[in-house]
Amino acid sequence: MQWQMEWAEAEAKGTHELTYTFDREVPKETRDLLAGLLPAMQQFIAKQEDYRNGTGHIGDNFGAKGQYIKLYDKVAKLYGPLWEGKTMNFDDAHDLVRDIVGHLILLTSYMTEVQN
């Protein structure tokens, strides 16, 4: 894939920039979604460093099953605020949703590794 090649070239240069070109017109709604998703992914990547332990991340140790556990936990945390209107003490519902998106992407990555 083109973006993977560009990402590898950017890392080789010591940068963390990526340019992605779509092969068709992108509707405004999709552009708006991506504008929100990309900063959320940057936050997710930064937060992942807080969860590294002596043996790596949960995904390093448990793969797709580890990501499933993380997703299950995050979705369960959303029940109170979404269904019962409860206030969260330390988490924010928006952050949990962003985390879920990040963990879904990681889960997809681990599942792809297993298939290959």
PDB file of N, CA and C in Angstrom:
ATOM      1  N   MET A   1       0.832  -1.180   0.000  1.00  0.00           N
ATOM      2  CA  MET A   1       0.000   0.000   0.000  1.00  0.00           C
ATOM      3  C   MET A   1       0.880   1.248   0.000  1.00  0.00           C
ATOM      4  N   GLN A   2       0.419   2.241  -0.715  1.00  0.00           N
ATOM      5  CA  GLN A   2       1.191   3.466  -0.860  1.00  0.00           C
ATOM      6  C   GLN A   2       1.496   4.114   0.483  1.00  0.00           C
ATOM      7  N   TRP A   3       0.482   4.219   1.379  1.00  0.00           N
ATOM      8  CA  TRP A   3       0.716   4.927   2.639  1.00  0.00           C
ATOM      9  C   TRP A   3       1.718   4.199   3.512  1.00  0.00           C
ATOM     10  N   GLN A   4       1.762   2.865   3.446  1.00  0.00           N
ATOM     11  CA  GLN A   4       2.736   2.121   4.239  1.00  0.00           C
ATOM     12  C   GLN A   4       4.153   2.433   3.771  1.00  0.00           C
ATOM     13  N   MET A   5       4.338   2.550   2.459  1.00  0.00           N
ATOM     14  CA  MET A   5       5.647   2.871   1.920  1.00  0.00           C
ATOM     15  C   MET A   5       6.057   4.277   2.358  1.00  0.00           C
ATOM     16  N   GLU A   6       5.119   5.233   2.263  1.00  0.00           N
ATOM     17  CA  GLU A   6       5.432   6.603   2.679  1.00  0.00           C
ATOM     18  C   GLU A   6       5.744   6.657   4.173  1.00  0.00           C
ATOM     19  N   TRP A   7       5.031   5.885   4.977  1.00  0.00           N
ATOM     20  CA  TRP A   7       5.272   5.860   6.418  1.00  0.00           C
ATOM     21  C   TRP A   7       6.675   5.321   6.707  1.00  0.00           C
ATOM     22  N   ALA A   8       7.066   4.259   6.034  1.00  0.00           N
ATOM     23  CA  ALA A   8       8.399   3.685   6.222  1.00  0.00           C
ATOM     24  C   ALA A   8       9.476   4.690   5.816  1.00  0.00           C
ATOM     25  N   GLU A   9       9.243   5.404   4.722  1.00  0.00           N
ATOM     26  CA  GLU A   9      10.207   6.419   4.289  1.00  0.00           C
ATOM     27  C   GLU A   9      10.306   7.552   5.304  1.00  0.00           C
ATOM     28  N   ALA A  10       9.173   7.966   5.867  1.00  0.00           N
ATOM     29  CA  ALA A  10       9.172   9.032   6.872  1.00  0.00           C
ATOM     30  C   ALA A  10       9.922   8.592   8.117  1.00  0.00           C
ATOM     31  N   GLU A  11       9.687   7.357   8.569  1.00  0.00           N
ATOM     32  CA  GLU A  11      10.392   6.850   9.752  1.00  0.00           C
ATOM     33  C   GLU A  11      11.892   6.757   9.494  1.00  0.00           C
ATOM     34  N   ALA A  12      12.267   6.365   8.280  1.00  0.00           N
ATOM     35  CA  ALA A  12      13.684   6.266   7.947  1.00  0.00           C
ATOM     36  C   ALA A  12      14.353   7.634   8.020  1.00  0.00           C
ATOM     37  N   LYS A  13      13.591   8.691   7.725  1.00  0.00           N
ATOM     38  CA  LYS A  13      14.117  10.050   7.805  1.00  0.00           C
ATOM     39  C   LYS A  13      14.033  10.610   9.226  1.00  0.00           C
ATOM     40  N   GLY A  14      13.409   9.860  10.137  1.00  0.00           N
ATOM     41  CA  GLY A  14      13.279  10.325  11.515  1.00  0.00           C
ATOM     42  C   GLY A  14      12.111  11.263  11.736  1.00  0.00           C
ATOM     43  N   THR A  15      11.131  11.246  10.823  1.00  0.00           N
ATOM     44  CA  THR A  15       9.941  12.090  10.991  1.00  0.00           C
ATOM     45  C   THR A  15       8.739  11.196  11.276  1.00  0.00           C
ATOM     46  N   HIS A  16       7.675  11.813  11.667  1.00  0.00           N
ATOM     47  CA  HIS A  16       6.452  11.072  11.957  1.00  0.00           C
ATOM     48  C   HIS A  16       5.293  11.648  11.153  1.00  0.00           C
ATOM     49  N   GLU A  17       5.572  12.033   9.941  1.00  0.00           N
ATOM     50  CA  GLU A  17       4.568  12.642   9.081  1.00  0.00           C
ATOM     51  C   GLU A  17       4.102  11.632   8.049  1.00  0.00           C
ATOM     52  N   LEU A  18       2.836  11.745   7.726  1.00  0.00           N
ATOM     53  CA  LEU A  18       2.265  10.870   6.725  1.00  0.00           C
ATOM     54  C   LEU A  18       1.272  11.664   5.897  1.00  0.00           C
ATOM     55  N   THR A  19       1.401  11.562   4.591  1.00  0.00           N
ATOM     56  CA  THR A  19       0.444  12.188   3.682  1.00  0.00           C
ATOM     57  C   THR A  19      -0.333  11.072   3.020  1.00  0.00           C
ATOM     58  N   TYR A  20      -1.632  11.183   3.050  1.00  0.00           N
ATOM     59  CA  TYR A  20      -2.469  10.162   2.431  1.00  0.00           C
ATOM     60  C   TYR A  20      -3.291  10.816   1.332  1.00  0.00           C
ATOM     61  N   THR A  21      -3.259  10.236   0.143  1.00  0.00           N
ATOM     62  CA  THR A  21      -4.001  10.749  -0.990  1.00  0.00           C
ATOM     63  C   THR A  21      -5.098   9.746  -1.337  1.00  0.00           C
ATOM     64  N   PHE A  22      -6.332  10.222  -1.367  1.00  0.00           N
ATOM     65  CA  PHE A  22      -7.454   9.360  -1.720  1.00  0.00           C
ATOM     66  C   PHE A  22      -7.579   9.267  -3.227  1.00  0.00           C
ATOM     67  N   ASP A  23      -8.062   8.135  -3.712  1.00  0.00           N
ATOM     68  CA  ASP A  23      -8.185   7.942  -5.152  1.00  0.00           C
ATOM     69  C   ASP A  23      -9.542   8.397  -5.690  1.00  0.00           C
ATOM     70  N   ARG A  24     -10.329   9.038  -4.836  1.00  0.00           N
ATOM     71  CA  ARG A  24     -11.629   9.571  -5.252  1.00  0.00           C
ATOM     72  C   ARG A  24     -11.969  10.766  -4.386  1.00  0.00           C
ATOM     73  N   GLU A  25     -13.006  11.480  -4.774  1.00  0.00           N
ATOM     74  CA  GLU A  25     -13.440  12.632  -3.984  1.00  0.00           C
ATOM     75  C   GLU A  25     -13.934  12.158  -2.622  1.00  0.00           C
ATOM     76  N   VAL A  26     -13.549  12.874  -1.593  1.00  0.00           N
ATOM     77  CA  VAL A  26     -13.939  12.516  -0.230  1.00  0.00           C
ATOM     78  C   VAL A  26     -15.031  13.472   0.226  1.00  0.00           C
ATOM     79  N   PRO A  27     -16.218  12.944   0.573  1.00  0.00           N
ATOM     80  CA  PRO A  27     -17.303  13.819   1.025  1.00  0.00           C
ATOM     81  C   PRO A  27     -16.920  14.600   2.281  1.00  0.00           C
ATOM     82  N   LYS A  28     -17.525  15.751   2.461  1.00  0.00           N
ATOM     83  CA  LYS A  28     -17.237  16.609   3.604  1.00  0.00           C
ATOM     84  C   LYS A  28     -17.430  15.866   4.923  1.00  0.00           C
ATOM     85  N   GLU A  29     -18.480  15.059   5.034  1.00  0.00           N
ATOM     86  CA  GLU A  29     -18.733  14.316   6.273  1.00  0.00           C
ATOM     87  C   GLU A  29     -17.560  13.398   6.611  1.00  0.00           C
ATOM     88  N   THR A  30     -17.002  12.770   5.596  1.00  0.00           N
ATOM     89  CA  THR A  30     -15.856  11.877   5.806  1.00  0.00           C
ATOM     90  C   THR A  30     -14.623  12.676   6.196  1.00  0.00           C
ATOM     91  N   ARG A  31     -14.415  13.819   5.548  1.00  0.00           N
ATOM     92  CA  ARG A  31     -13.271  14.676   5.911  1.00  0.00           C
ATOM     93  C   ARG A  31     -13.399  15.132   7.361  1.00  0.00           C
ATOM     94  N   ASP A  32     -14.618  15.506   7.773  1.00  0.00           N
ATOM     95  CA  ASP A  32     -14.841  15.920   9.160  1.00  0.00           C
ATOM     96  C   ASP A  32     -14.562  14.769  10.126  1.00  0.00           C
ATOM     97  N   LEU A  33     -15.000  13.573   9.750  1.00  0.00           N
ATOM     98  CA  LEU A  33     -14.744  12.394  10.582  1.00  0.00           C
ATOM     99  C   LEU A  33     -13.248  12.158  10.733  1.00  0.00           C
ATOM    100  N   LEU A  34     -12.528  12.228   9.628  1.00  0.00           N
ATOM    101  CA  LEU A  34     -11.075  12.036   9.682  1.00  0.00           C
ATOM    102  C   LEU A  34     -10.388  13.134  10.478  1.00  0.00           C
ATOM    103  N   ALA A  35     -10.886  14.353  10.376  1.00  0.00           N
ATOM    104  CA  ALA A  35     -10.300  15.458  11.135  1.00  0.00           C
ATOM    105  C   ALA A  35     -10.420  15.211  12.635  1.00  0.00           C
ATOM    106  N   GLY A  36     -11.456  14.534  13.060  1.00  0.00           N
ATOM    107  CA  GLY A  36     -11.603  14.181  14.471  1.00  0.00           C
ATOM    108  C   GLY A  36     -10.865  12.906  14.837  1.00  0.00           C
ATOM    109  N   LEU A  37     -10.795  11.979  13.900  1.00  0.00           N
ATOM    110  CA  LEU A  37     -10.176  10.682  14.170  1.00  0.00           C
ATOM    111  C   LEU A  37      -8.657  10.781  14.306  1.00  0.00           C
ATOM    112  N   LEU A  38      -8.037  11.564  13.470  1.00  0.00           N
ATOM    113  CA  LEU A  38      -6.568  11.622  13.497  1.00  0.00           C
ATOM    114  C   LEU A  38      -6.023  12.164  14.817  1.00  0.00           C
ATOM    115  N   PRO A  39      -6.553  13.260  15.364  1.00  0.00           N
ATOM    116  CA  PRO A  39      -6.075  13.688  16.680  1.00  0.00           C
ATOM    117  C   PRO A  39      -6.405  12.665  17.775  1.00  0.00           C
ATOM    118  N   ALA A  40      -7.542  11.986  17.642  1.00  0.00           N
ATOM    119  CA  ALA A  40      -7.894  10.950  18.613  1.00  0.00           C
ATOM    120  C   ALA A  40      -6.882   9.814  18.567  1.00  0.00           C
ATOM    121  N   MET A  41      -6.434   9.463  17.369  1.00  0.00           N
ATOM    122  CA  MET A  41      -5.429   8.405  17.253  1.00  0.00           C
ATOM    123  C   MET A  41      -4.091   8.851  17.831  1.00  0.00           C
ATOM    124  N   GLN A  42      -3.756  10.126  17.645  1.00  0.00           N
ATOM    125  CA  GLN A  42      -2.516  10.639  18.225  1.00  0.00           C
ATOM    126  C   GLN A  42      -2.575  10.540  19.749  1.00  0.00           C
ATOM    127  N   GLN A  43      -3.726  10.880  20.325  1.00  0.00           N
ATOM    128  CA  GLN A  43      -3.904  10.772  21.776  1.00  0.00           C
ATOM    129  C   GLN A  43      -3.843   9.306  22.209  1.00  0.00           C
ATOM    130  N   PHE A  44      -4.467   8.406  21.451  1.00  0.00           N
ATOM    131  CA  PHE A  44      -4.460   6.986  21.772  1.00  0.00           C
ATOM    132  C   PHE A  44      -3.037   6.438  21.781  1.00  0.00           C
ATOM    133  N   ILE A  45      -2.255   6.801  20.785  1.00  0.00           N
ATOM    134  CA  ILE A  45      -0.869   6.338  20.703  1.00  0.00           C
ATOM    135  C   ILE A  45      -0.071   6.819  21.910  1.00  0.00           C
ATOM    136  N   ALA A  46      -0.268   8.085  22.277  1.00  0.00           N
ATOM    137  CA  ALA A  46       0.446   8.628  23.443  1.00  0.00           C
ATOM    138  C   ALA A  46       0.015   7.916  24.721  1.00  0.00           C
ATOM    139  N   LYS A  47      -1.290   7.646  24.862  1.00  0.00           N
ATOM    140  CA  LYS A  47      -1.785   6.983  26.067  1.00  0.00           C
ATOM    141  C   LYS A  47      -1.265   5.557  26.184  1.00  0.00           C
ATOM    142  N   GLN A  48      -1.022   4.908  25.046  1.00  0.00           N
ATOM    143  CA  GLN A  48      -0.553   3.523  25.079  1.00  0.00           C
ATOM    144  C   GLN A  48       0.782   3.388  25.807  1.00  0.00           C
ATOM    145  N   GLU A  49       1.595   4.415  25.749  1.00  0.00           N
ATOM    146  CA  GLU A  49       2.883   4.375  26.446  1.00  0.00           C
ATOM    147  C   GLU A  49       2.700   4.265  27.956  1.00  0.00           C
ATOM    148  N   ASP A  50       1.576   4.786  28.480  1.00  0.00           N
ATOM    149  CA  ASP A  50       1.296   4.677  29.918  1.00  0.00           C
ATOM    150  C   ASP A  50       1.008   3.243  30.335  1.00  0.00           C
ATOM    151  N   TYR A  51       0.623   2.407  29.379  1.00  0.00           N
ATOM    152  CA  TYR A  51       0.228   1.032  29.696  1.00  0.00           C
ATOM    153  C   TYR A  51       1.324   0.013  29.429  1.00  0.00           C
ATOM    154  N   ARG A  52       2.472   0.478  29.007  1.00  0.00           N
ATOM    155  CA  ARG A  52       3.570  -0.461  28.762  1.00  0.00           C
ATOM    156  C   ARG A  52       4.084  -0.957  30.104  1.00  0.00           C
ATOM    157  N   ASN A  53       4.248  -2.261  30.197  1.00  0.00           N
ATOM    158  CA  ASN A  53       4.833  -2.834  31.411  1.00  0.00           C
ATOM    159  C   ASN A  53       6.138  -3.527  31.051  1.00  0.00           C
ATOM    160  N   GLY A  54       6.702  -4.261  31.957  1.00  0.00           N
ATOM    161  CA  GLY A  54       7.989  -4.897  31.724  1.00  0.00           C
ATOM    162  C   GLY A  54       7.992  -5.880  30.575  1.00  0.00           C
ATOM    163  N   THR A  55       6.819  -6.402  30.237  1.00  0.00           N
ATOM    164  CA  THR A  55       6.754  -7.376  29.155  1.00  0.00           C
ATOM    165  C   THR A  55       6.061  -6.832  27.913  1.00  0.00           C
ATOM    166  N   GLY A  56       5.766  -5.543  27.888  1.00  0.00           N
ATOM    167  CA  GLY A  56       5.148  -4.935  26.710  1.00  0.00           C
ATOM    168  C   GLY A  56       3.705  -4.551  26.958  1.00  0.00           C
ATOM    169  N   HIS A  57       2.987  -4.251  25.876  1.00  0.00           N
ATOM    170  CA  HIS A  57       1.568  -3.916  25.950  1.00  0.00           C
ATOM    171  C   HIS A  57       0.740  -5.193  26.049  1.00  0.00           C
ATOM    172  N   ILE A  58      -0.521  -5.046  26.410  1.00  0.00           N
ATOM    173  CA  ILE A  58      -1.403  -6.213  26.504  1.00  0.00           C
ATOM    174  C   ILE A  58      -1.459  -6.964  25.175  1.00  0.00           C
ATOM    175  N   GLY A  59      -1.463  -6.218  24.070  1.00  0.00           N
ATOM    176  CA  GLY A  59      -1.487  -6.862  22.764  1.00  0.00           C
ATOM    177  C   GLY A  59      -0.215  -7.648  22.484  1.00  0.00           C
ATOM    178  N   ASP A  60       0.916  -7.143  22.976  1.00  0.00           N
ATOM    179  CA  ASP A  60       2.178  -7.867  22.799  1.00  0.00           C
ATOM    180  C   ASP A  60       2.123  -9.217  23.508  1.00  0.00           C
ATOM    181  N   ASN A  61       1.442  -9.242  24.637  1.00  0.00           N
ATOM    182  CA  ASN A  61       1.379 -10.454  25.445  1.00  0.00           C
ATOM    183  C   ASN A  61       0.218 -11.370  25.078  1.00  0.00           C
ATOM    184  N   PHE A  62      -0.911 -10.780  24.684  1.00  0.00           N
ATOM    185  CA  PHE A  62      -2.118 -11.576  24.496  1.00  0.00           C
ATOM    186  C   PHE A  62      -2.771 -11.410  23.122  1.00  0.00           C
ATOM    187  N   GLY A  63      -2.190 -10.596  22.237  1.00  0.00           N
ATOM    188  CA  GLY A  63      -2.688 -10.446  20.880  1.00  0.00           C
ATOM    189  C   GLY A  63      -4.129  -9.985  20.802  1.00  0.00           C
ATOM    190  N   ALA A  64      -4.880 -10.588  19.876  1.00  0.00           N
ATOM    191  CA  ALA A  64      -6.263 -10.195  19.645  1.00  0.00           C
ATOM    192  C   ALA A  64      -7.124 -10.396  20.891  1.00  0.00           C
ATOM    193  N   LYS A  65      -6.862 -11.438  21.645  1.00  0.00           N
ATOM    194  CA  LYS A  65      -7.653 -11.680  22.860  1.00  0.00           C
ATOM    195  C   LYS A  65      -7.428 -10.561  23.880  1.00  0.00           C
ATOM    196  N   GLY A  66      -6.227 -10.055  23.957  1.00  0.00           N
ATOM    197  CA  GLY A  66      -5.947  -8.940  24.857  1.00  0.00           C
ATOM    198  C   GLY A  66      -6.706  -7.692  24.449  1.00  0.00           C
ATOM    199  N   GLN A  67      -6.776  -7.445  23.148  1.00  0.00           N
ATOM    200  CA  GLN A  67      -7.528  -6.289  22.669  1.00  0.00           C
ATOM    201  C   GLN A  67      -9.019  -6.471  22.920  1.00  0.00           C
ATOM    202  N   TYR A  68      -9.503  -7.698  22.777  1.00  0.00           N
ATOM    203  CA  TYR A  68     -10.911  -7.971  23.067  1.00  0.00           C
ATOM    204  C   TYR A  68     -11.223  -7.649  24.532  1.00  0.00           C
ATOM    205  N   ILE A  69     -10.344  -8.035  25.432  1.00  0.00           N
ATOM    206  CA  ILE A  69     -10.538  -7.749  26.858  1.00  0.00           C
ATOM    207  C   ILE A  69     -10.584  -6.238  27.083  1.00  0.00           C
ATOM    208  N   LYS A  70      -9.667  -5.500  26.464  1.00  0.00           N
ATOM    209  CA  LYS A  70      -9.654  -4.041  26.604  1.00  0.00           C
ATOM    210  C   LYS A  70     -10.956  -3.443  26.065  1.00  0.00           C
ATOM    211  N   LEU A  71     -11.412  -3.928  24.910  1.00  0.00           N
ATOM    212  CA  LEU A  71     -12.651  -3.419  24.327  1.00  0.00           C
ATOM    213  C   LEU A  71     -13.850  -3.706  25.227  1.00  0.00           C
ATOM    214  N   TYR A  72     -13.907  -4.905  25.741  1.00  0.00           N
ATOM    215  CA  TYR A  72     -15.010  -5.298  26.620  1.00  0.00           C
ATOM    216  C   TYR A  72     -15.059  -4.381  27.839  1.00  0.00           C
ATOM    217  N   ASP A  73     -13.910  -4.108  28.411  1.00  0.00           N
ATOM    218  CA  ASP A  73     -13.828  -3.234  29.583  1.00  0.00           C
ATOM    219  C   ASP A  73     -14.287  -1.812  29.248  1.00  0.00           C
ATOM    220  N   LYS A  74     -13.828  -1.281  28.131  1.00  0.00           N
ATOM    221  CA  LYS A  74     -14.179   0.087  27.741  1.00  0.00           C
ATOM    222  C   LYS A  74     -15.676   0.205  27.452  1.00  0.00           C
ATOM    223  N   VAL A  75     -16.232  -0.768  26.740  1.00  0.00           N
ATOM    224  CA  VAL A  75     -17.659  -0.734  26.423  1.00  0.00           C
ATOM    225  C   VAL A  75     -18.487  -0.851  27.705  1.00  0.00           C
ATOM    226  N   ALA A  76     -18.070  -1.720  28.616  1.00  0.00           N
ATOM    227  CA  ALA A  76     -18.791  -1.862  29.886  1.00  0.00           C
ATOM    228  C   ALA A  76     -18.773  -0.554  30.683  1.00  0.00           C
ATOM    229  N   LYS A  77     -17.657   0.173  30.631  1.00  0.00           N
ATOM    230  CA  LYS A  77     -17.569   1.460  31.334  1.00  0.00           C
ATOM    231  C   LYS A  77     -18.551   2.483  30.779  1.00  0.00           C
ATOM    232  N   LEU A  78     -18.881   2.377  29.500  1.00  0.00           N
ATOM    233  CA  LEU A  78     -19.801   3.332  28.867  1.00  0.00           C
ATOM    234  C   LEU A  78     -21.260   3.112  29.257  1.00  0.00           C
ATOM    235  N   TYR A  79     -21.591   1.948  29.784  1.00  0.00           N
ATOM    236  CA  TYR A  79     -22.978   1.640  30.105  1.00  0.00           C
ATOM    237  C   TYR A  79     -23.582   2.665  31.064  1.00  0.00           C
ATOM    238  N   GLY A  80     -22.905   2.944  32.159  1.00  0.00           N
ATOM    239  CA  GLY A  80     -23.427   3.885  33.152  1.00  0.00           C
ATOM    240  C   GLY A  80     -23.706   5.267  32.587  1.00  0.00           C
ATOM    241  N   PRO A  81     -22.743   5.896  31.937  1.00  0.00           N
ATOM    242  CA  PRO A  81     -22.994   7.228  31.395  1.00  0.00           C
ATOM    243  C   PRO A  81     -24.047   7.255  30.280  1.00  0.00           C
ATOM    244  N   LEU A  82     -24.055   6.245  29.418  1.00  0.00           N
ATOM    245  CA  LEU A  82     -24.966   6.278  28.273  1.00  0.00           C
ATOM    246  C   LEU A  82     -26.383   5.831  28.615  1.00  0.00           C
ATOM    247  N   TRP A  83     -26.534   4.806  29.446  1.00  0.00           N
ATOM    248  CA  TRP A  83     -27.855   4.268  29.728  1.00  0.00           C
ATOM    249  C   TRP A  83     -28.457   4.810  31.027  1.00  0.00           C
ATOM    250  N   GLU A  84     -27.604   5.109  31.990  1.00  0.00           N
ATOM    251  CA  GLU A  84     -28.111   5.521  33.292  1.00  0.00           C
ATOM    252  C   GLU A  84     -27.819   6.982  33.622  1.00  0.00           C
ATOM    253  N   GLY A  85     -27.112   7.677  32.729  1.00  0.00           N
ATOM    254  CA  GLY A  85     -26.800   9.083  32.951  1.00  0.00           C
ATOM    255  C   GLY A  85     -25.823   9.330  34.087  1.00  0.00           C
ATOM    256  N   LYS A  86     -25.071   8.316  34.472  1.00  0.00           N
ATOM    257  CA  LYS A  86     -24.105   8.463  35.559  1.00  0.00           C
ATOM    258  C   LYS A  86     -22.899   9.287  35.110  1.00  0.00           C
ATOM    259  N   THR A  87     -22.335   9.996  36.079  1.00  0.00           N
ATOM    260  CA  THR A  87     -21.111  10.755  35.837  1.00  0.00           C
ATOM    261  C   THR A  87     -19.920   9.863  36.145  1.00  0.00           C
ATOM    262  N   MET A  88     -18.915   9.932  35.289  1.00  0.00           N
ATOM    263  CA  MET A  88     -17.704   9.133  35.511  1.00  0.00           C
ATOM    264  C   MET A  88     -16.752   9.918  36.401  1.00  0.00           C
ATOM    265  N   ASN A  89     -16.054   9.223  37.265  1.00  0.00           N
ATOM    266  CA  ASN A  89     -15.135   9.874  38.195  1.00  0.00           C
ATOM    267  C   ASN A  89     -13.816  10.260  37.536  1.00  0.00           C
ATOM    268  N   PHE A  90     -13.241   9.379  36.761  1.00  0.00           N
ATOM    269  CA  PHE A  90     -11.899   9.620  36.243  1.00  0.00           C
ATOM    270  C   PHE A  90     -11.808   9.576  34.727  1.00  0.00           C
ATOM    271  N   ASP A  91     -12.781   9.002  34.078  1.00  0.00           N
ATOM    272  CA  ASP A  91     -12.761   8.899  32.623  1.00  0.00           C
ATOM    273  C   ASP A  91     -13.802   9.833  32.030  1.00  0.00           C
ATOM    274  N   ASP A  92     -13.657  10.089  30.765  1.00  0.00           N
ATOM    275  CA  ASP A  92     -14.613  10.884  30.009  1.00  0.00           C
ATOM    276  C   ASP A  92     -15.186   9.964  28.933  1.00  0.00           C
ATOM    277  N   ALA A  93     -16.501  10.006  28.738  1.00  0.00           N
ATOM    278  CA  ALA A  93     -17.138   9.121  27.772  1.00  0.00           C
ATOM    279  C   ALA A  93     -16.558   9.307  26.369  1.00  0.00           C
ATOM    280  N   HIS A  94     -16.266  10.548  25.984  1.00  0.00           N
ATOM    281  CA  HIS A  94     -15.675  10.786  24.665  1.00  0.00           C
ATOM    282  C   HIS A  94     -14.309  10.113  24.548  1.00  0.00           C
ATOM    283  N   ASP A  95     -13.507  10.207  25.608  1.00  0.00           N
ATOM    284  CA  ASP A  95     -12.190   9.557  25.594  1.00  0.00           C
ATOM    285  C   ASP A  95     -12.332   8.040  25.498  1.00  0.00           C
ATOM    286  N   LEU A  96     -13.325   7.490  26.191  1.00  0.00           N
ATOM    287  CA  LEU A  96     -13.546   6.042  26.114  1.00  0.00           C
ATOM    288  C   LEU A  96     -13.894   5.621  24.686  1.00  0.00           C
ATOM    289  N   VAL A  97     -14.730   6.401  24.021  1.00  0.00           N
ATOM    290  CA  VAL A  97     -15.095   6.073  22.640  1.00  0.00           C
ATOM    291  C   VAL A  97     -13.861   6.152  21.742  1.00  0.00           C
ATOM    292  N   ARG A  98     -13.034   7.166  21.945  1.00  0.00           N
ATOM    293  CA  ARG A  98     -11.788   7.273  21.160  1.00  0.00           C
ATOM    294  C   ARG A  98     -10.880   6.074  21.441  1.00  0.00           C
ATOM    295  N   ASP A  99     -10.814   5.664  22.706  1.00  0.00           N
ATOM    296  CA  ASP A  99     -10.015   4.486  23.055  1.00  0.00           C
ATOM    297  C   ASP A  99     -10.557   3.230  22.361  1.00  0.00           C
ATOM    298  N   ILE A 100     -11.874   3.117  22.324  1.00  0.00           N
ATOM    299  CA  ILE A 100     -12.488   1.961  21.661  1.00  0.00           C
ATOM    300  C   ILE A 100     -12.091   1.922  20.193  1.00  0.00           C
ATOM    301  N   VAL A 101     -12.130   3.065  19.533  1.00  0.00           N
ATOM    302  CA  VAL A 101     -11.720   3.133  18.119  1.00  0.00           C
ATOM    303  C   VAL A 101     -10.264   2.673  17.984  1.00  0.00           C
ATOM    304  N   GLY A 102      -9.402   3.167  18.857  1.00  0.00           N
ATOM    305  CA  GLY A 102      -7.995   2.769  18.808  1.00  0.00           C
ATOM    306  C   GLY A 102      -7.807   1.283  19.022  1.00  0.00           C
ATOM    307  N   HIS A 103      -8.526   0.728  20.018  1.00  0.00           N
ATOM    308  CA  HIS A 103      -8.402  -0.709  20.287  1.00  0.00           C
ATOM    309  C   HIS A 103      -8.991  -1.546  19.154  1.00  0.00           C
ATOM    310  N   LEU A 104     -10.032  -1.038  18.490  1.00  0.00           N
ATOM    311  CA  LEU A 104     -10.565  -1.752  17.328  1.00  0.00           C
ATOM    312  C   LEU A 104      -9.539  -1.805  16.204  1.00  0.00           C
ATOM    313  N   ILE A 105      -8.832  -0.707  16.008  1.00  0.00           N
ATOM    314  CA  ILE A 105      -7.785  -0.688  14.984  1.00  0.00           C
ATOM    315  C   ILE A 105      -6.670  -1.669  15.343  1.00  0.00           C
ATOM    316  N   LEU A 106      -6.272  -1.676  16.616  1.00  0.00           N
ATOM    317  CA  LEU A 106      -5.248  -2.639  17.044  1.00  0.00           C
ATOM    318  C   LEU A 106      -5.740  -4.077  16.889  1.00  0.00           C
ATOM    319  N   LEU A 107      -6.992  -4.327  17.247  1.00  0.00           N
ATOM    320  CA  LEU A 107      -7.560  -5.669  17.101  1.00  0.00           C
ATOM    321  C   LEU A 107      -7.515  -6.107  15.647  1.00  0.00           C
ATOM    322  N   THR A 108      -7.889  -5.215  14.743  1.00  0.00           N
ATOM    323  CA  THR A 108      -7.841  -5.516  13.321  1.00  0.00           C
ATOM    324  C   THR A 108      -6.409  -5.868  12.897  1.00  0.00           C
ATOM    325  N   SER A 109      -5.455  -5.118  13.418  1.00  0.00           N
ATOM    326  CA  SER A 109      -4.048  -5.376  13.100  1.00  0.00           C
ATOM    327  C   SER A 109      -3.620  -6.753  13.592  1.00  0.00           C
ATOM    328  N   TYR A 110      -3.953  -7.105  14.829  1.00  0.00           N
ATOM    329  CA  TYR A 110      -3.588  -8.419  15.362  1.00  0.00           C
ATOM    330  C   TYR A 110      -4.280  -9.543  14.605  1.00  0.00           C
ATOM    331  N   MET A 111      -5.527  -9.335  14.209  1.00  0.00           N
ATOM    332  CA  MET A 111      -6.237 -10.362  13.442  1.00  0.00           C
ATOM    333  C   MET A 111      -5.605 -10.556  12.076  1.00  0.00           C
ATOM    334  N   THR A 112      -5.145  -9.462  11.465  1.00  0.00           N
ATOM    335  CA  THR A 112      -4.479  -9.552  10.168  1.00  0.00           C
ATOM    336  C   THR A 112      -3.166 -10.317  10.295  1.00  0.00           C
ATOM    337  N   GLU A 113      -2.424 -10.060  11.382  1.00  0.00           N
ATOM    338  CA  GLU A 113      -1.167 -10.788  11.602  1.00  0.00           C
ATOM    339  C   GLU A 113      -1.392 -12.290  11.707  1.00  0.00           C
ATOM    340  N   VAL A 114      -2.461 -12.687  12.389  1.00  0.00           N
ATOM    341  CA  VAL A 114      -2.763 -14.099  12.558  1.00  0.00           C
ATOM    342  C   VAL A 114      -3.119 -14.739  11.217  1.00  0.00           C
ATOM    343  N   GLN A 115      -3.841 -14.008  10.363  1.00  0.00           N
ATOM    344  CA  GLN A 115      -4.230 -14.536   9.054  1.00  0.00           C
ATOM    345  C   GLN A 115      -3.028 -14.718   8.142  1.00  0.00           C
ATOM    346  N   ASN A 116      -2.026 -13.851   8.308  1.00  0.00           N
ATOM    347  CA  ASN A 116      -0.847 -13.926   7.432  1.00  0.00           C
ATOM    348  C   ASN A 116       0.106 -14.865   8.043  1.00  0.00           C
TER     349      ASN A 116
END
